Amino acid sequence: MTAIDLSGVSKAYDGNPVLIGVDLAMEEDEILAIIGPSGVGKTTLLRLASGLERPDSGTVAILGTPLTYVNGRDLPLKRHMAFILQKPVAFKETVSENVAYGLKVRDIDDTEDLVAHALEAVGLAEMGDRMATRLSGGEMQRMAFARATVFEPSILLLDEFTANLDPQNVGVLERAVIAYQRERNATVVIVTHNLFQARRISTRTTLLLGGRLVETGPTERIFEEPEDERTRAFVSGEMVF
């Protein structure tokens, strides 16, 4: 089954088109990278895929069921997903309490083992009692990943989630993404400016330019043997914006 299916999706802000007729299937059990220069609509595409925003036209389906955008009706579908932003927000509580939040809103009471496992996966096993607001930027993002995955969502959406982090934290998070995807056979969709990151961790890559998808395919082919000249120019660094 396709995890998220965008069909003919368009979106404009203040009359300015951002996405135009996008068709994209985000398949189960894959890591899909969405690449492209700034301002081409990558984050908008991710927000539409998550149901945070409604398209002006077209449909978005999650696990085969179209979103209705009726208050509360789409919640069961959205609870299959987690969304990690570039700049996470922490509650003024401990790291463990932050990570446990998604379990508590799902009325899961026995949280200790699940939280411990999620923190261990990102190298924060010894920081559960620390106040989350005192974490470094990299530690904060690692906590956000633990918080997003502790309830084992089948779809994980990542928006530039390692931007501006040092290589050590980037490495920890990339390994956590790969391990989580393999462990849960999850669908992971990552928006990234980092072409090296896309190549390291994704199984499939799509290039977005001018609000349209240019080319989608296996990551190795996109980088080594792209079919579209614009893709070749972009991944080789020859395309100037």
C-alpha atoms as a PDB file:
ATOM      1  CA  MET A   1       0.000   0.000   0.000  1.00  0.00           C
ATOM      2  CA  THR A   2       1.167   3.538  -0.721  1.00  0.00           C
ATOM      3  CA  ALA A   3       1.797   5.422   2.540  1.00  0.00           C
ATOM      4  CA  ILE A   4       1.004   8.906   1.179  1.00  0.00           C
ATOM      5  CA  ASP A   5      -0.311   9.647  -2.291  1.00  0.00           C
ATOM      6  CA  LEU A   6      -0.432  13.169  -3.719  1.00  0.00           C
ATOM      7  CA  SER A   7      -2.500  13.430  -6.887  1.00  0.00           C
ATOM      8  CA  GLY A   8      -2.661  16.635  -8.919  1.00  0.00           C
ATOM      9  CA  VAL A   9      -1.793  18.729  -5.861  1.00  0.00           C
ATOM     10  CA  SER A  10      -1.438  22.485  -6.315  1.00  0.00           C
ATOM     11  CA  LYS A  11      -0.916  25.239  -3.752  1.00  0.00           C
ATOM     12  CA  ALA A  12      -0.553  29.012  -4.007  1.00  0.00           C
ATOM     13  CA  TYR A  13       0.010  31.771  -1.454  1.00  0.00           C
ATOM     14  CA  ASP A  14      -1.308  35.264  -2.159  1.00  0.00           C
ATOM     15  CA  GLY A  15      -1.860  34.257  -5.766  1.00  0.00           C
ATOM     16  CA  ASN A  16       1.705  33.014  -6.224  1.00  0.00           C
ATOM     17  CA  PRO A  17       1.886  29.334  -7.244  1.00  0.00           C
ATOM     18  CA  VAL A  18       4.157  27.234  -5.032  1.00  0.00           C
ATOM     19  CA  LEU A  19       3.212  23.731  -6.155  1.00  0.00           C
ATOM     20  CA  ILE A  20       1.668  22.939  -9.532  1.00  0.00           C
ATOM     21  CA  GLY A  21      -0.024  19.641 -10.301  1.00  0.00           C
ATOM     22  CA  VAL A  22       2.230  17.463  -8.181  1.00  0.00           C
ATOM     23  CA  ASP A  23       1.779  13.689  -8.427  1.00  0.00           C
ATOM     24  CA  LEU A  24       3.905  11.777  -5.944  1.00  0.00           C
ATOM     25  CA  ALA A  25       3.478   8.400  -4.272  1.00  0.00           C
ATOM     26  CA  MET A  26       5.406   7.952  -1.029  1.00  0.00           C
ATOM     27  CA  GLU A  27       5.701   4.197  -0.746  1.00  0.00           C
ATOM     28  CA  GLU A  28       5.743   1.974   2.307  1.00  0.00           C
ATOM     29  CA  ASP A  29       9.152   0.791   3.464  1.00  0.00           C
ATOM     30  CA  GLU A  30      11.324   3.444   1.809  1.00  0.00           C
ATOM     31  CA  ILE A  31      13.342   6.551   2.575  1.00  0.00           C
ATOM     32  CA  LEU A  32      12.359   9.210   0.046  1.00  0.00           C
ATOM     33  CA  ALA A  33      14.471  12.371  -0.251  1.00  0.00           C
ATOM     34  CA  ILE A  34      12.934  15.547  -1.663  1.00  0.00           C
ATOM     35  CA  ILE A  35      15.700  17.771  -2.978  1.00  0.00           C
ATOM     36  CA  GLY A  36      15.798  21.153  -4.695  1.00  0.00           C
ATOM     37  CA  PRO A  37      16.933  24.726  -4.103  1.00  0.00           C
ATOM     38  CA  SER A  38      15.388  27.023  -1.517  1.00  0.00           C
ATOM     39  CA  GLY A  39      11.952  28.407  -2.230  1.00  0.00           C
ATOM     40  CA  VAL A  40      10.755  25.734  -4.658  1.00  0.00           C
ATOM     41  CA  GLY A  41       8.034  24.353  -2.374  1.00  0.00           C
ATOM     42  CA  LYS A  42       9.717  21.404  -0.621  1.00  0.00           C
ATOM     43  CA  THR A  43       8.437  22.253   2.850  1.00  0.00           C
ATOM     44  CA  THR A  44       5.003  23.089   1.462  1.00  0.00           C
ATOM     45  CA  LEU A  45       4.908  19.670  -0.177  1.00  0.00           C
ATOM     46  CA  LEU A  46       5.754  18.035   3.148  1.00  0.00           C
ATOM     47  CA  ARG A  47       3.117  20.054   5.007  1.00  0.00           C
ATOM     48  CA  LEU A  48       0.495  19.048   2.464  1.00  0.00           C
ATOM     49  CA  ALA A  49       1.558  15.414   2.717  1.00  0.00           C
ATOM     50  CA  SER A  50       1.096  15.562   6.486  1.00  0.00           C
ATOM     51  CA  GLY A  51      -2.312  17.210   6.319  1.00  0.00           C
ATOM     52  CA  LEU A  52      -1.082  20.328   8.117  1.00  0.00           C
ATOM     53  CA  GLU A  53      -2.185  22.333   5.099  1.00  0.00           C
ATOM     54  CA  ARG A  54      -4.925  21.801   2.540  1.00  0.00           C
ATOM     55  CA  PRO A  55      -4.164  21.893  -1.194  1.00  0.00           C
ATOM     56  CA  ASP A  56      -5.975  24.356  -3.425  1.00  0.00           C
ATOM     57  CA  SER A  57      -6.640  21.471  -5.786  1.00  0.00           C
ATOM     58  CA  GLY A  58      -5.861  17.786  -5.957  1.00  0.00           C
ATOM     59  CA  THR A  59      -6.067  15.121  -3.279  1.00  0.00           C
ATOM     60  CA  VAL A  60      -3.868  13.737  -0.520  1.00  0.00           C
ATOM     61  CA  ALA A  61      -4.452  10.176   0.682  1.00  0.00           C
ATOM     62  CA  ILE A  62      -2.825   8.550   3.701  1.00  0.00           C
ATOM     63  CA  LEU A  63      -2.684   4.751   3.719  1.00  0.00           C
ATOM     64  CA  GLY A  64      -5.231   4.704   0.919  1.00  0.00           C
ATOM     65  CA  THR A  65      -7.759   7.035   2.569  1.00  0.00           C
ATOM     66  CA  PRO A  66      -8.188  10.605   1.256  1.00  0.00           C
ATOM     67  CA  LEU A  67      -7.937  13.415   3.786  1.00  0.00           C
ATOM     68  CA  THR A  68     -11.226  15.238   4.379  1.00  0.00           C
ATOM     69  CA  TYR A  69      -9.890  18.321   6.250  1.00  0.00           C
ATOM     70  CA  VAL A  70     -13.025  18.161   8.407  1.00  0.00           C
ATOM     71  CA  ASN A  71     -12.224  19.038  12.014  1.00  0.00           C
ATOM     72  CA  GLY A  72     -11.146  15.894  13.860  1.00  0.00           C
ATOM     73  CA  ARG A  73     -12.129  13.422  11.151  1.00  0.00           C
ATOM     74  CA  ASP A  74      -8.585  12.924   9.834  1.00  0.00           C
ATOM     75  CA  LEU A  75      -7.010  12.437  13.281  1.00  0.00           C
ATOM     76  CA  PRO A  76      -6.879   8.597  13.111  1.00  0.00           C
ATOM     77  CA  LEU A  77      -4.910   8.861   9.853  1.00  0.00           C
ATOM     78  CA  LYS A  78      -2.604  11.594  11.134  1.00  0.00           C
ATOM     79  CA  ARG A  79      -1.752   9.506  14.189  1.00  0.00           C
ATOM     80  CA  HIS A  80       0.155   7.172  11.880  1.00  0.00           C
ATOM     81  CA  MET A  81       2.594  10.042  11.209  1.00  0.00           C
ATOM     82  CA  ALA A  82       5.236  12.087  12.985  1.00  0.00           C
ATOM     83  CA  PHE A  83       6.732  15.359  11.716  1.00  0.00           C
ATOM     84  CA  ILE A  84      10.148  16.640  12.797  1.00  0.00           C
ATOM     85  CA  LEU A  85      10.936  20.283  12.142  1.00  0.00           C
ATOM     86  CA  GLN A  86      14.279  21.971  11.602  1.00  0.00           C
ATOM     87  CA  LYS A  87      13.914  23.826  14.909  1.00  0.00           C
ATOM     88  CA  PRO A  88      12.232  21.637  17.544  1.00  0.00           C
ATOM     89  CA  VAL A  89      10.265  22.991  20.473  1.00  0.00           C
ATOM     90  CA  ALA A  90      10.727  21.559  23.947  1.00  0.00           C
ATOM     91  CA  PHE A  91       8.304  21.577  26.844  1.00  0.00           C
ATOM     92  CA  LYS A  92       9.694  22.943  30.117  1.00  0.00           C
ATOM     93  CA  GLU A  93      10.001  19.435  31.499  1.00  0.00           C
ATOM     94  CA  THR A  94      12.621  16.707  31.597  1.00  0.00           C
ATOM     95  CA  VAL A  95      13.867  14.981  28.477  1.00  0.00           C
ATOM     96  CA  SER A  96      11.969  11.815  29.409  1.00  0.00           C
ATOM     97  CA  GLU A  97       8.754  13.735  29.997  1.00  0.00           C
ATOM     98  CA  ASN A  98       9.134  15.418  26.605  1.00  0.00           C
ATOM     99  CA  VAL A  99       9.641  12.087  24.864  1.00  0.00           C
ATOM    100  CA  ALA A 100       6.694  10.523  26.676  1.00  0.00           C
ATOM    101  CA  TYR A 101       4.280  13.214  25.475  1.00  0.00           C
ATOM    102  CA  GLY A 102       3.115  11.332  22.347  1.00  0.00           C
ATOM    103  CA  LEU A 103       2.415   8.245  24.425  1.00  0.00           C
ATOM    104  CA  LYS A 104       0.388  10.127  27.004  1.00  0.00           C
ATOM    105  CA  VAL A 105      -1.905  11.777  24.460  1.00  0.00           C
ATOM    106  CA  ARG A 106      -2.574   8.255  23.131  1.00  0.00           C
ATOM    107  CA  ASP A 107      -3.478   7.112  26.664  1.00  0.00           C
ATOM    108  CA  ILE A 108      -0.477   4.787  26.923  1.00  0.00           C
ATOM    109  CA  ASP A 109       0.412   4.602  30.603  1.00  0.00           C
ATOM    110  CA  ASP A 110       3.383   2.223  30.659  1.00  0.00           C
ATOM    111  CA  THR A 111       5.888   4.609  29.084  1.00  0.00           C
ATOM    112  CA  GLU A 112       9.179   3.945  30.895  1.00  0.00           C
ATOM    113  CA  ASP A 113      10.584   1.159  28.692  1.00  0.00           C
ATOM    114  CA  LEU A 114       9.416   2.793  25.464  1.00  0.00           C
ATOM    115  CA  VAL A 115      10.988   6.129  26.403  1.00  0.00           C
ATOM    116  CA  ALA A 116      14.223   4.439  27.445  1.00  0.00           C
ATOM    117  CA  HIS A 117      14.439   2.599  24.117  1.00  0.00           C
ATOM    118  CA  ALA A 118      13.764   5.797  22.131  1.00  0.00           C
ATOM    119  CA  LEU A 119      16.420   7.736  24.046  1.00  0.00           C
ATOM    120  CA  GLU A 120      18.975   4.959  23.669  1.00  0.00           C
ATOM    121  CA  ALA A 121      18.444   4.973  19.894  1.00  0.00           C
ATOM    122  CA  VAL A 122      19.705   8.572  19.736  1.00  0.00           C
ATOM    123  CA  GLY A 123      22.421   8.349  22.367  1.00  0.00           C
ATOM    124  CA  LEU A 124      20.545  10.158  25.121  1.00  0.00           C
ATOM    125  CA  ALA A 125      20.033   7.239  27.506  1.00  0.00           C
ATOM    126  CA  GLU A 126      21.783   9.071  30.346  1.00  0.00           C
ATOM    127  CA  MET A 127      19.967  12.383  29.886  1.00  0.00           C
ATOM    128  CA  GLY A 128      16.385  11.447  30.692  1.00  0.00           C
ATOM    129  CA  ASP A 129      16.315  13.444  33.933  1.00  0.00           C
ATOM    130  CA  ARG A 130      17.897  16.563  32.459  1.00  0.00           C
ATOM    131  CA  MET A 131      15.689  19.584  31.724  1.00  0.00           C
ATOM    132  CA  ALA A 132      15.035  19.602  27.993  1.00  0.00           C
ATOM    133  CA  THR A 133      15.485  23.359  27.713  1.00  0.00           C
ATOM    134  CA  ARG A 134      19.153  22.933  28.771  1.00  0.00           C
ATOM    135  CA  LEU A 135      20.078  20.643  25.887  1.00  0.00           C
ATOM    136  CA  SER A 136      22.388  21.740  23.117  1.00  0.00           C
ATOM    137  CA  GLY A 137      20.965  22.206  19.628  1.00  0.00           C
ATOM    138  CA  GLY A 138      22.087  18.771  18.505  1.00  0.00           C
ATOM    139  CA  GLU A 139      20.831  17.088  21.666  1.00  0.00           C
ATOM    140  CA  MET A 140      17.524  18.897  21.298  1.00  0.00           C
ATOM    141  CA  GLN A 141      17.061  17.538  17.776  1.00  0.00           C
ATOM    142  CA  ARG A 142      17.971  14.042  18.932  1.00  0.00           C
ATOM    143  CA  MET A 143      15.342  14.355  21.672  1.00  0.00           C
ATOM    144  CA  ALA A 144      12.832  15.502  19.060  1.00  0.00           C
ATOM    145  CA  PHE A 145      13.569  12.379  17.029  1.00  0.00           C
ATOM    146  CA  ALA A 146      13.026  10.193  20.095  1.00  0.00           C
ATOM    147  CA  ARG A 147       9.767  12.007  20.852  1.00  0.00           C
ATOM    148  CA  ALA A 148       8.579  11.525  17.272  1.00  0.00           C
ATOM    149  CA  THR A 149       9.393   7.823  17.108  1.00  0.00           C
ATOM    150  CA  VAL A 150       8.546   6.627  20.620  1.00  0.00           C
ATOM    151  CA  PHE A 151       4.975   5.755  19.601  1.00  0.00           C
ATOM    152  CA  GLU A 152       6.252   3.927  16.511  1.00  0.00           C
ATOM    153  CA  PRO A 153       4.600   5.874  13.668  1.00  0.00           C
ATOM    154  CA  SER A 154       4.554   4.134  10.296  1.00  0.00           C
ATOM    155  CA  ILE A 155       5.268   7.428   8.491  1.00  0.00           C
ATOM    156  CA  LEU A 156       8.058   9.820   9.486  1.00  0.00           C
ATOM    157  CA  LEU A 157       8.362  13.251   7.860  1.00  0.00           C
ATOM    158  CA  LEU A 158      11.624  15.164   8.320  1.00  0.00           C
ATOM    159  CA  ASP A 159      12.033  18.802   7.286  1.00  0.00           C
ATOM    160  CA  GLU A 160      15.738  19.771   7.147  1.00  0.00           C
ATOM    161  CA  PHE A 161      16.041  18.021  10.485  1.00  0.00           C
ATOM    162  CA  THR A 162      19.869  18.105  10.574  1.00  0.00           C
ATOM    163  CA  ALA A 163      20.427  21.585   9.159  1.00  0.00           C
ATOM    164  CA  ASN A 164      23.085  23.558  11.058  1.00  0.00           C
ATOM    165  CA  LEU A 165      24.109  20.591  13.223  1.00  0.00           C
ATOM    166  CA  ASP A 166      27.684  19.430  13.679  1.00  0.00           C
ATOM    167  CA  PRO A 167      28.825  16.243  11.903  1.00  0.00           C
ATOM    168  CA  GLN A 168      28.608  14.108  15.051  1.00  0.00           C
ATOM    169  CA  ASN A 169      24.951  14.923  15.641  1.00  0.00           C
ATOM    170  CA  VAL A 170      24.186  14.561  11.944  1.00  0.00           C
ATOM    171  CA  GLY A 171      25.726  11.095  12.017  1.00  0.00           C
ATOM    172  CA  VAL A 172      23.759  10.038  15.100  1.00  0.00           C
ATOM    173  CA  LEU A 173      20.488  11.180  13.567  1.00  0.00           C
ATOM    174  CA  GLU A 174      21.122   9.663  10.162  1.00  0.00           C
ATOM    175  CA  ARG A 175      21.942   6.320  11.737  1.00  0.00           C
ATOM    176  CA  ALA A 176      18.809   6.584  13.880  1.00  0.00           C
ATOM    177  CA  VAL A 177      16.689   7.216  10.781  1.00  0.00           C
ATOM    178  CA  ILE A 178      18.097   4.216   8.951  1.00  0.00           C
ATOM    179  CA  ALA A 179      17.735   1.952  12.001  1.00  0.00           C
ATOM    180  CA  TYR A 180      14.165   3.078  12.657  1.00  0.00           C
ATOM    181  CA  GLN A 181      13.121   2.610   9.035  1.00  0.00           C
ATOM    182  CA  ARG A 182      14.561  -0.899   8.938  1.00  0.00           C
ATOM    183  CA  GLU A 183      13.190  -1.875  12.322  1.00  0.00           C
ATOM    184  CA  ARG A 184       9.640  -0.700  11.595  1.00  0.00           C
ATOM    185  CA  ASN A 185       9.536  -0.984   7.791  1.00  0.00           C
ATOM    186  CA  ALA A 186       8.456   2.636   8.004  1.00  0.00           C
ATOM    187  CA  THR A 187       8.028   5.253   5.313  1.00  0.00           C
ATOM    188  CA  VAL A 188      10.491   8.103   5.821  1.00  0.00           C
ATOM    189  CA  VAL A 189      10.273  11.303   3.764  1.00  0.00           C
ATOM    190  CA  ILE A 190      13.097  13.793   4.174  1.00  0.00           C
ATOM    191  CA  VAL A 191      13.355  17.305   2.775  1.00  0.00           C
ATOM    192  CA  THR A 192      17.015  18.274   2.586  1.00  0.00           C
ATOM    193  CA  HIS A 193      19.394  20.739   0.965  1.00  0.00           C
ATOM    194  CA  ASN A 194      22.216  18.330   1.718  1.00  0.00           C
ATOM    195  CA  LEU A 195      22.728  16.256  -1.416  1.00  0.00           C
ATOM    196  CA  PHE A 196      25.321  14.130   0.367  1.00  0.00           C
ATOM    197  CA  GLN A 197      22.744  13.289   3.025  1.00  0.00           C
ATOM    198  CA  ALA A 198      20.126  12.395   0.426  1.00  0.00           C
ATOM    199  CA  ARG A 199      22.595  10.070  -1.237  1.00  0.00           C
ATOM    200  CA  ARG A 200      23.728   8.505   2.049  1.00  0.00           C
ATOM    201  CA  ILE A 201      20.367   7.547   3.504  1.00  0.00           C
ATOM    202  CA  SER A 202      17.579   7.629   0.917  1.00  0.00           C
ATOM    203  CA  THR A 203      16.439   4.774  -1.275  1.00  0.00           C
ATOM    204  CA  ARG A 204      14.576   7.055  -3.698  1.00  0.00           C
ATOM    205  CA  THR A 205      14.977  10.727  -4.566  1.00  0.00           C
ATOM    206  CA  THR A 206      12.790  13.322  -6.261  1.00  0.00           C
ATOM    207  CA  LEU A 207      13.842  16.739  -7.547  1.00  0.00           C
ATOM    208  CA  LEU A 208      11.474  19.687  -7.182  1.00  0.00           C
ATOM    209  CA  LEU A 209      11.986  22.797  -9.310  1.00  0.00           C
ATOM    210  CA  GLY A 210       9.591  25.687  -9.875  1.00  0.00           C
ATOM    211  CA  GLY A 211       6.802  23.932  -8.008  1.00  0.00           C
ATOM    212  CA  ARG A 212       6.939  20.843 -10.234  1.00  0.00           C
ATOM    213  CA  LEU A 213       8.552  17.449  -9.852  1.00  0.00           C
ATOM    214  CA  VAL A 214      11.298  17.101 -12.437  1.00  0.00           C
ATOM    215  CA  GLU A 215      12.417  13.524 -11.884  1.00  0.00           C
ATOM    216  CA  THR A 216      11.885  10.742  -9.368  1.00  0.00           C
ATOM    217  CA  GLY A 217      13.776   7.480  -9.161  1.00  0.00           C
ATOM    218  CA  PRO A 218      16.173   5.266  -7.213  1.00  0.00           C
ATOM    219  CA  THR A 219      18.693   7.485  -5.473  1.00  0.00           C
ATOM    220  CA  GLU A 220      21.759   5.973  -7.101  1.00  0.00           C
ATOM    221  CA  ARG A 221      20.288   6.471 -10.580  1.00  0.00           C
ATOM    222  CA  ILE A 222      19.242  10.052  -9.855  1.00  0.00           C
ATOM    223  CA  PHE A 223      22.816  10.920  -8.867  1.00  0.00           C
ATOM    224  CA  GLU A 224      24.712   8.750 -11.333  1.00  0.00           C
ATOM    225  CA  GLU A 225      22.492   8.507 -14.431  1.00  0.00           C
ATOM    226  CA  PRO A 226      19.711  11.134 -14.276  1.00  0.00           C
ATOM    227  CA  GLU A 227      17.347  11.187 -17.234  1.00  0.00           C
ATOM    228  CA  ASP A 228      16.543  14.902 -17.125  1.00  0.00           C
ATOM    229  CA  GLU A 229      19.228  17.460 -17.927  1.00  0.00           C
ATOM    230  CA  ARG A 230      18.010  19.702 -15.101  1.00  0.00           C
ATOM    231  CA  THR A 231      18.542  16.873 -12.627  1.00  0.00           C
ATOM    232  CA  ARG A 232      22.054  16.301 -13.913  1.00  0.00           C
ATOM    233  CA  ALA A 233      22.852  19.997 -13.606  1.00  0.00           C
ATOM    234  CA  PHE A 234      21.446  20.202 -10.084  1.00  0.00           C
ATOM    235  CA  VAL A 235      23.138  17.158  -8.572  1.00  0.00           C
ATOM    236  CA  SER A 236      26.452  18.066 -10.196  1.00  0.00           C
ATOM    237  CA  GLY A 237      26.367  21.613  -8.840  1.00  0.00           C
ATOM    238  CA  GLU A 238      26.240  23.210 -12.276  1.00  0.00           C
ATOM    239  CA  MET A 239      22.768  24.688 -11.831  1.00  0.00           C
ATOM    240  CA  VAL A 240      23.026  28.211 -10.403  1.00  0.00           C
ATOM    241  CA  PHE A 241      20.124  29.865  -8.531  1.00  0.00           C
END
